[in-house]
Protein backbone atom coordinates (compact mmCIF):
# COMPACT_ATOMS: atom_id res chain seq x y z
CA MET A 1 46.32 96.28 173.07
CA ASN A 2 44.85 98.70 175.62
CA ARG A 3 47.72 101.14 176.04
CA TYR A 4 47.95 104.83 175.23
CA PRO A 5 51.17 106.36 173.89
CA LEU A 6 52.78 108.97 176.13
CA TRP A 7 51.56 111.93 174.06
CA LYS A 8 47.92 111.02 174.67
CA TYR A 9 48.47 110.97 178.43
CA LEU A 10 50.20 114.34 178.13
CA ILE A 11 47.13 115.74 176.33
CA ILE A 12 44.88 114.43 179.12
CA ALA A 13 47.17 115.88 181.81
CA ALA A 14 47.33 119.25 180.05
CA ALA A 15 43.53 119.36 179.64
CA LEU A 16 43.11 118.47 183.33
CA VAL A 17 45.53 121.16 184.54
CA ILE A 18 44.23 123.91 182.23
CA GLY A 19 40.60 122.99 182.94
CA THR A 20 41.18 123.10 186.70
CA LEU A 21 43.01 126.44 186.57
CA TYR A 22 40.37 128.20 184.48
CA ALA A 23 37.44 126.69 186.37
CA LEU A 24 38.85 127.70 189.79
CA PRO A 25 37.87 131.43 189.65
CA ASN A 26 34.21 130.42 189.76
CA LEU A 27 34.66 129.09 193.31
CA PHE A 28 35.74 132.38 194.90
CA GLY A 29 32.46 134.27 194.50
CA GLU A 30 32.07 138.05 194.34
CA SER A 31 32.83 140.91 196.67
CA PRO A 32 30.65 144.04 197.10
CA ALA A 33 32.15 147.12 195.50
CA VAL A 34 31.49 150.76 194.69
CA GLN A 35 32.25 152.04 191.19
CA VAL A 36 33.04 155.68 190.43
CA SER A 37 32.78 156.71 186.78
CA ALA A 38 32.23 159.89 184.80
CA GLY A 39 28.73 161.31 184.96
CA ARG A 40 29.42 163.56 181.99
CA ALA A 41 31.33 162.93 178.83
CA SER A 42 33.66 165.85 179.61
CA VAL A 43 34.66 164.51 183.05
CA ARG A 44 37.95 162.62 183.05
CA ILE A 45 38.74 159.60 185.22
CA ASP A 46 42.47 159.22 185.92
CA ALA A 47 44.95 158.31 188.66
CA THR A 48 44.05 161.39 190.68
CA THR A 49 40.51 160.00 191.01
CA VAL A 50 41.97 157.04 192.92
CA THR A 51 43.57 159.44 195.38
CA ARG A 52 40.27 161.27 195.85
CA VAL A 53 38.49 157.96 196.51
CA GLU A 54 41.10 156.96 199.10
CA GLN A 55 40.86 160.33 200.85
CA ALA A 56 37.04 160.26 200.92
CA LEU A 57 36.97 156.75 202.39
CA THR A 58 39.66 157.55 204.98
CA ALA A 59 37.77 160.66 206.09
CA GLN A 60 34.68 158.55 206.82
CA GLY A 61 36.64 155.72 208.47
CA VAL A 62 35.73 153.14 205.82
CA SER A 63 38.42 150.63 204.85
CA ALA A 64 38.56 149.20 201.33
CA SER A 65 40.24 145.85 200.69
CA LEU A 66 41.33 146.97 197.22
CA ILE A 67 40.97 150.07 195.03
CA GLN A 68 41.45 149.57 191.27
CA PHE A 69 41.78 152.05 188.42
CA GLU A 70 40.58 150.50 185.15
CA GLY A 71 40.88 153.27 182.58
CA ASN A 72 37.33 154.62 182.67
CA SER A 73 36.31 153.92 186.26
CA VAL A 74 37.62 153.44 189.79
CA LYS A 75 36.37 150.40 191.72
CA ALA A 76 36.73 149.98 195.47
CA ARG A 77 36.15 146.51 196.97
CA PHE A 78 34.83 145.85 200.48
CA GLU A 79 34.39 142.85 202.73
CA THR A 80 30.76 143.46 203.72
CA THR A 81 27.70 145.08 202.18
CA ASP A 82 27.49 147.43 205.19
CA ASP A 83 30.90 148.86 204.30
CA GLN A 84 29.78 149.06 200.68
CA ILE A 85 26.73 151.18 201.54
CA LYS A 86 28.75 153.48 203.83
CA ALA A 87 31.39 153.92 201.14
CA ARG A 88 28.76 154.71 198.50
CA ASP A 89 27.29 157.46 200.67
CA ALA A 90 30.73 158.89 201.46
CA LEU A 91 31.84 158.91 197.82
CA GLU A 92 28.54 160.41 196.70
CA ARG A 93 29.02 163.36 199.06
CA ALA A 94 32.67 163.80 198.07
CA PHE A 95 32.26 163.61 194.29
CA ASN A 96 28.80 165.14 193.86
CA PRO A 97 28.41 168.03 196.30
CA ASP A 98 25.56 169.33 194.13
CA ALA A 99 23.11 166.43 194.01
CA ALA A 100 20.96 168.20 191.42
CA ASP A 101 23.87 168.39 188.96
CA PRO A 102 26.11 165.31 189.50
CA SER A 103 29.42 165.11 187.68
CA TYR A 104 30.17 161.48 188.62
CA VAL A 105 28.22 158.25 188.79
CA VAL A 106 28.74 156.45 192.11
CA ALA A 107 27.13 153.02 191.80
CA LEU A 108 27.02 149.75 193.71
CA ASN A 109 28.62 146.81 191.95
CA LEU A 110 29.81 143.23 192.44
CA LEU A 111 33.35 142.20 191.45
CA PRO A 112 34.91 138.72 191.30
CA ARG A 113 37.25 137.67 194.13
CA THR A 114 39.68 135.94 191.76
CA PRO A 115 43.18 135.68 193.34
CA ALA A 116 45.87 137.81 191.72
CA TRP A 117 47.94 134.81 190.58
CA LEU A 118 44.97 133.40 188.69
CA ALA A 119 44.12 136.80 187.23
CA ARG A 120 47.69 137.07 185.91
CA LEU A 121 47.11 133.82 184.01
CA GLY A 122 44.05 135.37 182.40
CA ALA A 123 41.66 133.21 184.41
CA SER A 124 38.37 134.83 185.34
CA PRO A 125 34.93 133.54 186.29
CA MET A 126 31.95 133.24 183.99
CA TYR A 127 29.69 136.24 183.78
CA LEU A 128 26.40 135.66 185.53
CA GLY A 129 23.14 136.71 183.93
CA LEU A 130 20.54 138.97 185.45
CA ASP A 131 18.58 136.03 186.90
CA LEU A 132 21.64 134.78 188.81
CA ARG A 133 23.60 137.89 189.73
CA GLY A 134 20.82 140.38 190.22
CA GLY A 135 20.67 143.76 188.53
CA VAL A 136 18.22 145.95 186.67
CA HIS A 137 16.02 145.41 183.63
CA PHE A 138 14.63 148.28 181.57
CA MET A 139 12.39 148.47 178.56
CA LEU A 140 12.80 151.68 176.58
CA GLN A 141 10.27 153.13 174.15
CA VAL A 142 11.86 154.95 171.19
CA ASP A 143 9.99 158.07 170.11
CA MET A 144 9.65 157.27 166.40
CA PRO A 145 7.64 160.45 165.54
CA ALA A 146 10.57 162.46 166.89
CA ALA A 147 12.95 160.48 164.65
CA LEU A 148 10.81 161.28 161.62
CA GLN A 149 10.57 164.93 162.70
CA ARG A 150 14.34 165.07 163.02
CA ARG A 151 14.68 163.58 159.54
CA ALA A 152 12.23 166.16 158.23
CA ASP A 153 14.41 168.88 159.79
CA VAL A 154 17.45 167.61 157.89
CA LEU A 155 15.52 167.33 154.62
CA THR A 156 14.18 170.88 155.09
CA GLY A 157 17.69 172.27 155.32
CA ASP A 158 18.86 170.16 152.38
CA LEU A 159 15.94 171.26 150.23
CA ARG A 160 16.55 174.91 151.07
CA THR A 161 20.21 174.51 150.03
CA ALA A 162 19.31 172.64 146.82
CA LEU A 163 16.84 175.30 145.76
CA ARG A 164 19.43 178.02 146.37
CA GLU A 165 21.99 176.14 144.25
CA LYS A 166 19.46 175.83 141.40
CA ASN A 167 18.53 179.55 141.71
CA VAL A 168 14.88 178.68 142.33
CA ARG A 169 13.19 181.65 143.99
CA HIS A 170 10.55 180.69 146.54
CA GLY A 171 8.50 182.27 149.28
CA GLY A 172 10.00 180.19 152.08
CA VAL A 173 10.74 176.58 153.10
CA SER A 174 9.42 175.48 156.51
CA ARG A 175 8.69 172.33 158.42
CA SER A 176 5.36 171.58 160.06
CA GLY A 177 5.44 168.34 162.03
CA GLN A 178 6.73 165.68 159.65
CA THR A 179 5.90 167.61 156.48
CA ILE A 180 7.85 170.23 154.54
CA GLU A 181 6.06 173.24 153.03
CA VAL A 182 7.40 175.34 150.15
CA ARG A 183 5.59 178.51 149.09
CA VAL A 184 5.99 179.69 145.47
CA ARG A 185 4.44 182.51 143.47
CA ASP A 186 3.76 180.94 140.05
CA ALA A 187 3.27 177.60 138.30
CA GLN A 188 6.67 177.76 136.59
CA THR A 189 8.49 178.00 139.93
CA LEU A 190 6.26 175.23 141.28
CA ASP A 191 7.41 172.95 138.45
CA ALA A 192 11.03 173.84 139.16
CA VAL A 193 10.66 172.97 142.88
CA ARG A 194 8.93 169.71 141.97
CA THR A 195 11.77 168.82 139.57
CA VAL A 196 14.40 169.43 142.28
CA ILE A 197 12.50 167.17 144.70
CA GLN A 198 12.12 164.41 142.11
CA ASP A 199 15.81 164.55 141.09
CA GLN A 200 17.51 164.94 144.47
CA PHE A 201 15.06 163.81 147.17
CA ALA A 202 13.91 160.28 146.50
CA ASP A 203 12.62 160.00 150.10
CA LEU A 204 10.02 162.73 149.54
CA GLU A 205 6.70 162.74 147.72
CA ALA A 206 5.11 166.08 146.91
CA THR A 207 1.59 167.41 146.46
CA ASP A 208 0.52 170.99 145.82
CA ARG A 209 -2.52 173.23 146.07
CA PRO A 210 -3.18 176.86 145.16
CA GLU A 211 -3.57 179.51 147.84
CA GLY A 212 -4.95 182.66 146.26
CA THR A 213 -2.43 183.85 143.68
CA GLU A 214 0.33 181.64 145.11
CA TYR A 215 0.96 177.93 145.46
CA ARG A 216 1.91 175.80 148.42
CA LEU A 217 3.82 172.55 147.82
CA ILE A 218 3.69 169.99 150.65
CA ALA A 219 6.39 167.29 150.72
CA THR A 220 6.04 164.26 153.00
CA ILE A 221 8.38 161.36 153.72
CA ARG A 222 7.48 158.25 151.73
CA PRO A 223 6.22 155.26 153.80
CA GLU A 224 9.16 153.04 152.80
CA ALA A 225 11.61 155.84 153.64
CA ALA A 226 9.86 156.37 156.98
CA ARG A 227 10.27 152.69 157.83
CA ARG A 228 13.94 152.92 156.92
CA VAL A 229 14.39 155.98 159.14
CA GLN A 230 12.74 154.16 162.05
CA GLU A 231 14.94 151.08 161.59
CA GLN A 232 18.08 153.20 161.42
CA ALA A 233 17.00 155.19 164.48
CA LEU A 234 16.55 152.00 166.49
CA LYS A 235 19.93 150.63 165.42
CA GLN A 236 21.70 153.90 166.13
CA ASN A 237 20.15 154.13 169.61
CA ILE A 238 21.24 150.57 170.39
CA THR A 239 24.79 151.33 169.23
CA THR A 240 24.92 154.51 171.30
CA LEU A 241 23.68 152.69 174.40
CA HIS A 242 26.36 150.05 173.88
CA ASN A 243 29.06 152.73 173.64
CA ARG A 244 27.95 154.52 176.79
CA ILE A 245 27.31 151.46 178.97
CA ASN A 246 30.53 149.74 177.87
CA GLU A 247 32.47 152.84 178.95
CA LEU A 248 31.06 152.31 182.46
CA GLY A 249 32.48 148.79 182.68
CA VAL A 250 29.18 146.95 183.28
CA ALA A 251 29.94 143.26 182.76
CA GLU A 252 28.09 141.74 179.81
CA PRO A 253 25.17 144.16 179.44
CA VAL A 254 22.25 142.93 177.35
CA ILE A 255 21.00 145.56 174.89
CA GLN A 256 18.66 144.23 172.24
CA GLN A 257 15.70 145.23 170.10
CA GLN A 258 12.21 144.11 171.04
CA GLY A 259 9.48 144.74 168.54
CA LEU A 260 9.55 147.69 166.15
CA ASP A 261 10.21 150.54 168.58
CA ARG A 262 11.45 149.13 171.88
CA ILE A 263 14.86 148.33 173.36
CA VAL A 264 15.53 145.99 176.28
CA VAL A 265 18.50 146.84 178.51
CA GLN A 266 19.72 144.47 181.23
CA LEU A 267 22.61 145.50 183.49
CA PRO A 268 23.79 142.58 185.67
CA GLY A 269 25.38 143.53 188.98
CA VAL A 270 23.94 147.06 189.02
CA GLN A 271 21.84 147.13 192.18
CA ASP A 272 20.80 150.78 192.23
CA THR A 273 17.92 151.53 189.87
CA ALA A 274 18.41 155.29 190.13
CA LYS A 275 22.04 154.98 189.09
CA ALA A 276 21.11 152.67 186.24
CA LYS A 277 18.70 155.32 184.97
CA ASP A 278 21.51 157.84 185.24
CA ILE A 279 23.70 155.62 183.09
CA LEU A 280 21.03 155.42 180.40
CA GLY A 281 20.41 159.15 180.65
CA ARG A 282 24.01 159.89 179.70
CA THR A 283 23.40 159.28 176.02
CA ALA A 284 24.36 162.40 174.12
CA THR A 285 23.42 164.37 171.02
CA LEU A 286 26.00 166.08 168.85
CA GLU A 287 25.40 169.31 166.91
CA VAL A 288 27.57 171.62 164.80
CA ARG A 289 26.64 175.32 164.77
CA LEU A 290 28.25 178.61 163.86
CA VAL A 291 29.43 180.94 166.62
CA ASP A 292 27.62 184.27 166.76
CA GLU A 293 30.45 186.75 166.21
CA SER A 294 28.29 189.86 165.86
CA ALA A 295 28.92 192.77 168.17
CA GLU A 296 25.97 191.72 170.33
CA GLY A 297 27.20 188.12 170.38
CA LEU A 298 30.73 189.08 171.43
CA ALA A 299 29.34 191.35 174.14
CA ALA A 300 27.17 188.53 175.48
CA GLU A 301 30.19 186.21 175.39
CA ARG A 302 32.13 188.68 177.56
CA GLY A 303 29.15 188.97 179.90
CA THR A 304 28.51 192.65 179.14
CA GLY A 305 25.34 192.20 177.11
CA ALA A 306 22.27 190.05 176.53
CA VAL A 307 22.22 187.05 174.19
CA PRO A 308 21.01 188.23 170.74
CA PHE A 309 17.75 186.95 169.28
CA GLY A 310 18.34 183.72 167.33
CA SER A 311 21.38 182.73 169.40
CA GLU A 312 22.04 180.69 172.55
CA ARG A 313 24.68 180.61 175.29
CA TYR A 314 26.60 177.38 176.05
CA PRO A 315 29.62 176.85 178.31
CA GLU A 316 32.96 175.48 177.16
CA ARG A 317 34.75 172.74 179.08
CA ASP A 318 36.73 175.36 181.01
CA GLY A 319 33.53 177.23 181.98
CA ARG A 320 33.80 180.13 179.53
CA ALA A 321 30.63 181.03 177.62
CA VAL A 322 30.23 180.72 173.85
CA ILE A 323 27.32 182.34 171.99
CA VAL A 324 26.20 180.12 169.09
CA LYS A 325 23.46 180.48 166.52
CA ARG A 326 20.33 178.35 166.76
CA ASP A 327 20.63 176.95 163.22
CA VAL A 328 21.98 173.38 163.30
CA LEU A 329 24.39 172.70 160.44
CA LEU A 330 25.28 169.08 161.14
CA THR A 331 24.38 166.40 163.70
CA GLY A 332 26.05 163.23 164.91
CA GLU A 333 24.23 161.34 162.17
CA ASN A 334 26.62 162.85 159.60
CA LEU A 335 29.77 161.82 161.50
CA THR A 336 31.16 158.38 160.64
CA ASP A 337 34.47 158.45 162.53
CA ALA A 338 36.65 160.60 164.82
CA GLN A 339 40.30 159.82 165.60
CA ALA A 340 42.99 161.68 167.54
CA GLY A 341 46.13 162.54 165.58
CA PHE A 342 48.50 165.38 164.66
CA ASP A 343 48.45 168.29 162.22
CA SER A 344 50.76 167.32 159.35
CA GLN A 345 52.13 170.88 159.08
CA THR A 346 52.37 172.19 162.64
CA GLN A 347 52.55 168.79 164.42
CA GLU A 348 49.96 170.05 166.89
CA ALA A 349 47.50 167.61 168.45
CA ALA A 350 44.38 167.38 166.31
CA VAL A 351 41.14 165.48 165.85
CA HIS A 352 40.45 164.01 162.41
CA LEU A 353 36.77 163.67 161.50
CA THR A 354 35.19 161.69 158.68
CA LEU A 355 31.77 162.80 157.39
CA ASP A 356 29.25 160.97 155.24
CA ALA A 357 28.42 162.20 151.70
CA LYS A 358 25.67 164.56 152.77
CA GLY A 359 27.72 165.93 155.67
CA SER A 360 30.68 166.49 153.36
CA ARG A 361 28.58 168.57 150.97
CA ILE A 362 27.05 170.68 153.75
CA PHE A 363 30.41 171.17 155.47
CA ARG A 364 32.07 172.25 152.23
CA ASP A 365 29.40 174.89 151.61
CA VAL A 366 29.43 176.15 155.20
CA THR A 367 33.23 176.45 155.40
CA ARG A 368 33.41 178.16 152.01
CA GLU A 369 30.95 180.82 153.09
CA ASN A 370 32.35 181.32 156.62
CA VAL A 371 36.16 181.39 156.33
CA GLY A 372 37.68 183.17 159.33
CA LYS A 373 34.67 182.53 161.55
CA ARG A 374 34.34 180.09 164.40
CA MET A 375 32.34 176.87 164.33
CA ALA A 376 31.17 175.22 167.58
CA ILE A 377 30.75 171.48 168.16
CA ILE A 378 28.22 171.05 170.97
CA LEU A 379 27.53 167.91 172.98
CA PHE A 380 24.10 167.68 174.64
CA GLU A 381 23.68 165.44 177.69
CA LYS A 382 20.54 165.32 179.84
CA GLY A 383 19.28 168.49 178.17
CA ARG A 384 22.48 170.43 178.93
CA GLY A 385 24.73 171.54 176.10
CA GLU A 386 28.49 171.92 176.34
CA VAL A 387 30.88 173.20 173.68
CA VAL A 388 33.50 170.52 173.07
CA THR A 389 35.56 172.76 170.80
CA ALA A 390 35.07 175.97 168.79
CA PRO A 391 37.83 176.14 166.13
CA VAL A 392 38.30 178.88 163.51
CA ILE A 393 37.48 177.93 159.91
CA ARG A 394 40.73 178.58 158.06
CA THR A 395 39.73 177.48 154.56
CA GLU A 396 37.06 175.67 152.58
CA ILE A 397 37.03 172.00 153.60
CA GLY A 398 35.79 169.38 151.17
CA GLY A 399 36.20 165.64 150.65
CA GLY A 400 34.60 164.63 153.93
CA ARG A 401 37.86 164.80 155.93
CA VAL A 402 37.84 167.48 158.64
CA GLN A 403 40.62 168.42 161.03
CA ILE A 404 40.12 170.21 164.35
CA SER A 405 43.33 171.60 165.84
CA GLY A 406 44.75 174.43 167.90
CA ALA A 407 45.50 174.81 171.64
CA MET A 408 44.87 171.11 172.35
CA THR A 409 47.02 168.62 174.21
CA THR A 410 47.31 165.02 173.04
CA MET A 411 45.05 163.90 175.89
CA GLU A 412 42.44 166.56 175.05
CA ALA A 413 42.47 165.50 171.39
CA SER A 414 41.94 161.87 172.44
CA ASP A 415 39.09 162.84 174.79
CA THR A 416 37.43 164.99 172.12
CA ALA A 417 37.63 162.16 169.58
CA LEU A 418 36.06 159.80 172.11
CA LEU A 419 33.20 162.23 172.76
CA LEU A 420 32.51 162.68 169.06
CA ARG A 421 32.80 158.95 168.36
CA ALA A 422 30.34 158.04 171.09
CA GLY A 423 27.49 158.98 168.78
CA SER A 424 24.12 160.53 169.34
CA LEU A 425 20.61 159.29 169.83
CA ALA A 426 18.64 159.30 166.61
CA ALA A 427 15.43 159.65 168.65
CA PRO A 428 14.59 160.28 172.31
CA MET A 429 13.61 157.34 174.52
CA GLU A 430 11.64 156.88 177.71
CA ILE A 431 11.61 154.03 180.23
CA ILE A 432 8.23 152.28 180.14
CA GLU A 433 9.16 149.28 182.29
CA GLU A 434 11.77 148.70 184.96
CA ARG A 435 12.47 145.70 187.12
CA THR A 436 15.08 145.15 189.81
CA ILE A 437 16.37 141.70 190.72
CA GLY A 438 18.17 141.84 194.06
CA PRO A 439 21.40 139.95 194.71
CA SER A 440 19.63 137.83 197.34
CA LEU A 441 17.20 136.49 194.76
CA GLY A 442 20.10 135.92 192.38
CA ALA A 443 21.98 134.00 195.10
CA GLU A 444 18.89 131.89 195.70
CA ASN A 445 18.65 131.08 191.99
CA ILE A 446 22.35 130.14 191.94
CA ALA A 447 21.94 127.89 194.98
CA LYS A 448 18.92 126.11 193.53
CA GLY A 449 20.49 125.75 190.11
CA PHE A 450 23.81 124.40 191.31
CA ASN A 451 22.11 122.14 193.87
CA SER A 452 20.21 120.53 191.02
CA VAL A 453 23.47 119.95 189.13
CA ILE A 454 25.33 118.66 192.20
CA TRP A 455 22.57 116.32 193.36
CA GLY A 456 22.10 115.05 189.84
CA PHE A 457 25.85 114.37 189.69
CA VAL A 458 25.84 112.57 193.07
CA VAL A 459 22.90 110.31 192.16
CA ILE A 460 24.52 109.43 188.81
CA VAL A 461 27.81 108.60 190.53
CA LEU A 462 26.09 106.35 193.11
CA PHE A 463 24.19 104.48 190.42
CA MET A 464 27.24 104.04 188.17
CA CYS A 465 29.48 102.82 191.01
CA ALA A 466 26.82 100.37 192.25
CA TYR A 467 25.91 99.02 188.83
CA TYR A 468 29.25 99.03 186.97
CA MET A 469 31.68 98.71 189.89
CA LEU A 470 35.18 99.96 188.97
CA PHE A 471 34.11 100.89 185.46
CA GLY A 472 31.43 103.02 187.13
CA VAL A 473 34.15 104.77 189.12
CA PHE A 474 36.03 105.48 185.88
CA SER A 475 32.83 106.84 184.33
CA SER A 476 32.21 109.04 187.39
CA ILE A 477 35.74 110.48 187.25
CA ALA A 478 35.26 111.18 183.54
CA LEU A 479 31.94 112.87 184.35
CA ALA A 480 33.60 115.11 186.94
CA PHE A 481 36.32 115.94 184.43
CA ASN A 482 33.64 116.81 181.87
CA LEU A 483 31.98 119.23 184.32
CA VAL A 484 35.31 120.92 185.11
CA LEU A 485 36.16 121.17 181.42
CA LEU A 486 32.74 122.62 180.57
CA VAL A 487 33.03 125.31 183.26
CA ALA A 488 36.60 126.10 182.17
CA VAL A 489 35.65 126.54 178.51
CA LEU A 490 32.71 128.78 179.42
CA SER A 491 35.01 130.84 181.65
CA MET A 492 37.67 131.18 178.95
CA LEU A 493 35.01 132.31 176.46
CA GLN A 494 33.63 134.70 179.10
CA ALA A 495 30.15 133.35 178.41
CA THR A 496 27.19 134.58 180.42
CA LEU A 497 25.65 131.88 182.58
CA THR A 498 21.89 132.04 183.17
CA LEU A 499 19.31 129.68 184.66
CA PRO A 500 18.73 128.06 181.24
CA GLY A 501 22.50 127.59 181.05
CA ILE A 502 22.48 125.72 184.34
CA ALA A 503 19.68 123.53 182.94
CA ALA A 504 21.91 122.84 179.93
CA MET A 505 24.71 121.81 182.32
CA ALA A 506 22.44 119.25 183.97
CA LEU A 507 21.46 117.96 180.54
CA ALA A 508 25.13 117.76 179.51
CA LEU A 509 25.84 115.54 182.55
CA GLY A 510 23.06 113.17 181.54
CA MET A 511 24.28 113.00 177.95
CA ALA A 512 27.90 112.49 179.01
CA ILE A 513 27.06 109.55 181.27
CA ASP A 514 24.88 108.10 178.52
CA SER A 515 28.03 107.63 176.42
CA ASN A 516 29.76 105.82 179.27
CA VAL A 517 26.73 103.58 179.83
CA LEU A 518 26.86 102.68 176.15
CA ILE A 519 30.58 101.85 176.37
CA ASN A 520 30.16 99.76 179.52
CA GLU A 521 27.28 97.78 178.04
CA ARG A 522 29.28 97.09 174.87
CA VAL A 523 32.16 95.80 176.99
CA ARG A 524 29.68 93.59 178.83
CA GLU A 525 28.35 92.25 175.53
CA GLU A 526 31.83 91.34 174.38
CA LEU A 527 32.52 89.57 177.68
CA ARG A 528 29.17 87.82 177.39
CA SER A 529 30.18 86.51 173.96
CA GLY A 530 33.26 84.88 175.49
CA LYS A 531 36.04 87.31 174.53
CA SER A 532 38.97 87.88 176.84
CA PRO A 533 38.80 90.97 179.09
CA GLN A 534 41.47 92.86 177.12
CA ALA A 535 39.78 92.09 173.79
CA ALA A 536 36.37 92.98 175.26
CA ILE A 537 37.62 96.39 176.40
CA GLN A 538 39.18 97.06 173.00
CA ALA A 539 36.08 95.98 171.06
CA GLY A 540 33.69 97.71 173.45
CA TYR A 541 35.25 101.15 172.97
CA GLU A 542 35.67 100.74 169.20
CA THR A 543 32.11 99.58 168.51
CA ALA A 544 30.56 102.16 170.86
CA TRP A 545 32.43 105.09 169.28
CA GLY A 546 30.38 105.14 166.06
CA THR A 547 27.08 105.16 167.93
CA ILE A 548 28.29 107.87 170.34
CA LEU A 549 29.46 110.05 167.45
CA ASP A 550 26.16 109.73 165.57
CA SER A 551 23.98 110.52 168.57
CA ASN A 552 26.09 113.51 169.63
CA ILE A 553 26.26 114.98 166.13
CA THR A 554 22.47 114.87 165.73
CA THR A 555 22.05 116.53 169.14
CA LEU A 556 24.72 119.10 168.23
CA ILE A 557 22.81 119.98 165.06
CA ALA A 558 19.74 120.75 167.16
CA GLY A 559 21.89 122.88 169.50
CA VAL A 560 23.39 124.83 166.57
CA ALA A 561 19.87 125.48 165.25
CA LEU A 562 18.87 126.90 168.65
CA LEU A 563 22.03 129.02 168.65
CA ALA A 564 21.41 130.35 165.13
CA PHE A 565 17.71 131.10 165.35
CA GLY A 566 17.10 131.53 169.10
CA SER A 567 17.53 134.63 171.21
CA GLY A 568 17.86 135.54 174.87
CA PRO A 569 17.52 132.55 177.24
CA VAL A 570 17.30 130.13 174.30
CA ARG A 571 20.75 131.18 173.06
CA GLY A 572 22.13 130.91 176.61
CA PHE A 573 20.87 127.34 176.78
CA ALA A 574 22.22 126.55 173.30
CA VAL A 575 25.74 127.82 174.03
CA VAL A 576 26.16 125.64 177.12
CA HIS A 577 24.44 122.73 175.37
CA CYS A 578 26.77 122.77 172.32
CA ILE A 579 29.95 123.16 174.40
CA GLY A 580 28.72 120.41 176.76
CA ILE A 581 28.33 117.98 173.86
CA LEU A 582 31.91 118.59 172.69
CA THR A 583 33.43 118.25 176.16
CA SER A 584 31.36 115.12 176.89
CA MET A 585 32.67 113.40 173.76
CA PHE A 586 36.24 114.13 174.84
CA SER A 587 35.74 113.07 178.45
CA SER A 588 33.51 110.01 178.00
CA VAL A 589 35.63 108.43 175.25
CA PHE A 590 39.18 109.78 175.25
CA PHE A 591 39.58 110.50 178.98
CA SER A 592 37.72 107.44 180.33
CA ARG A 593 39.63 105.17 177.91
CA GLY A 594 42.84 106.65 179.29
CA LEU A 595 41.79 105.73 182.86
CA VAL A 596 40.88 102.17 181.81
CA ASN A 597 44.11 101.75 179.89
CA LEU A 598 46.12 103.09 182.80
CA TRP A 599 44.49 100.63 185.20
CA TYR A 600 44.05 97.49 183.11
CA GLY A 601 46.32 98.02 180.09
CA ARG A 602 49.51 97.24 181.99
CA GLN A 603 48.21 93.82 183.11
CA LYS A 604 49.35 91.27 180.52
CA LYS A 605 47.38 88.28 181.89
CA LEU A 606 44.12 89.95 182.80
CA LYS A 607 41.55 87.37 183.94
CA ASN A 608 38.63 89.55 184.96
CA VAL A 609 37.44 93.16 185.06
CA SER A 610 35.28 94.92 187.61
CA ILE A 611 32.24 95.87 185.56
CA GLY A 612 29.43 94.29 187.58
CA THR A 613 27.83 90.88 187.20
CA ILE A 614 27.38 89.73 183.61
CA TRP A 615 24.58 87.33 182.70
CA ARG A 616 24.01 85.38 179.55
CA PRO A 617 20.57 85.55 177.92
CA ASP A 618 19.85 82.05 179.25
CA GLY A 619 20.65 83.19 182.79
CA SER A 620 23.97 81.36 183.15
CA VAL A 621 27.21 83.00 184.21
CA PRO A 622 29.81 83.30 181.39
CA ALA A 623 33.07 81.38 181.41
CA VAL A 624 35.04 84.55 182.05
CA LYS A 625 33.45 86.19 185.06
CA ALA A 626 33.70 89.91 185.59
CA ASP A 627 33.64 91.01 189.21
């Protein structure tokens, strides 16, 4: 009657083993570390960086317990925070001899102490949120007027091109703030300009007024188009921040919109505010310009002359100077993808670019008019521009597919594609709020949070064992299994645990034991009605299951609603809450029934069960007494 088939016990055993293995990494804590990553997009991190880190640490007499190379950064672990600070100073001097112009980011970090054998199984601890691990919190203000001004710049160039294509003669197209001004000589030309704007520039609205014998047409961005530009600027900035911060290996950064023009950035484990600012400052802007190949430009490139008026000097990655014109042809906004590949004809390493519709049209016109000339792709970081590549335009390029090739290795093509793919900021940002949460405060939050869970667990266990005897012991074991399973699932999902998440854990314990209380009371009712112990156990679990399912499903619906419509700490609570409900249903019913069946199911002539003293409503003891 109360026996499980072998396959059910195998499921329980497998869940117990897997849950224990994947929950274990959370017990080992974290070790202080120093992380070395690229401070510029053109700086490469490779195996030689590991050697440089080892040499710098050895020279200063600092011993690292482990040095890891993880593709885009090198992380050195240490036993104490004193060694961590010494190592940070040593690596800073070794990698950034010029403090005013750093090429690398040397930052403090915290890394999990998971044993290698567990790491090989894919087991890793849960990520800890900012309130538990410590780190930095920034609020960034996006400069929306600058985004609109940048959009006006693009529209000015597009309007100038459109008027030239329609052979509309005008006295000049210029931008003033967020407005575009077109000067024309007569009313007929004014009508022609207005027609071009109406047909091709739906984002603009135009007004005009006479100025002497001429006319001036003023085009402004429509309010609905301005809102769209601002929304796109915010989304693009968030995406760019994600790309840059993810390259630095910060575990579970939080980057989210707040309000109409603000972005919140939380970097758990980053203890150095200055370095965190440096990380945010690495966001780049991409521009495409023509190289100035005039006699004056070539002389300035060789260093034998001054830079011509209307041009600027920028260095290439190898340090050589390139003189480019000030006019910006394309920006990162027009680039939708960049992938490394090979030239289909020469089999040379190449970078394949994909442009949007507007970028494709501009690029086709520019390449048609400048065959044989060079075109520079410039990456701006922290106000400094660097020429990523300056290829020769061989032929007119249309269709939105662009190939950059020539004198590039496969690795250089891959790096160039990564730089171009990283995106650009649609509008500048400034930090208006910063907050640092130290690791000591995070450790205090962890201690208080887990103490509440542990003491809650201990009190529940004492009550259950005293009130329900052996059945209370079974319930307590199931509760412990539920806690292990919950931690294991969160670790496998690599969820971020916060203080609200710990509160959800405590709530999950209470809800899990509630199911066991319901089962034990149903078993008591069946015994009170005079059923045999085996029949009472069978009926108790079967009748309690429907009630347990209903109550958990209604609570799960509330948790899913919090998950769908909540944000920040509310979502953190909801994730742990929903997973806790599922694991509690498995542990309180399936697992605890397995323990009861294993203990009592093999006894054919069971006379009593240890479930505490059972009393009839009239106060008498039932015929079958349960000890």
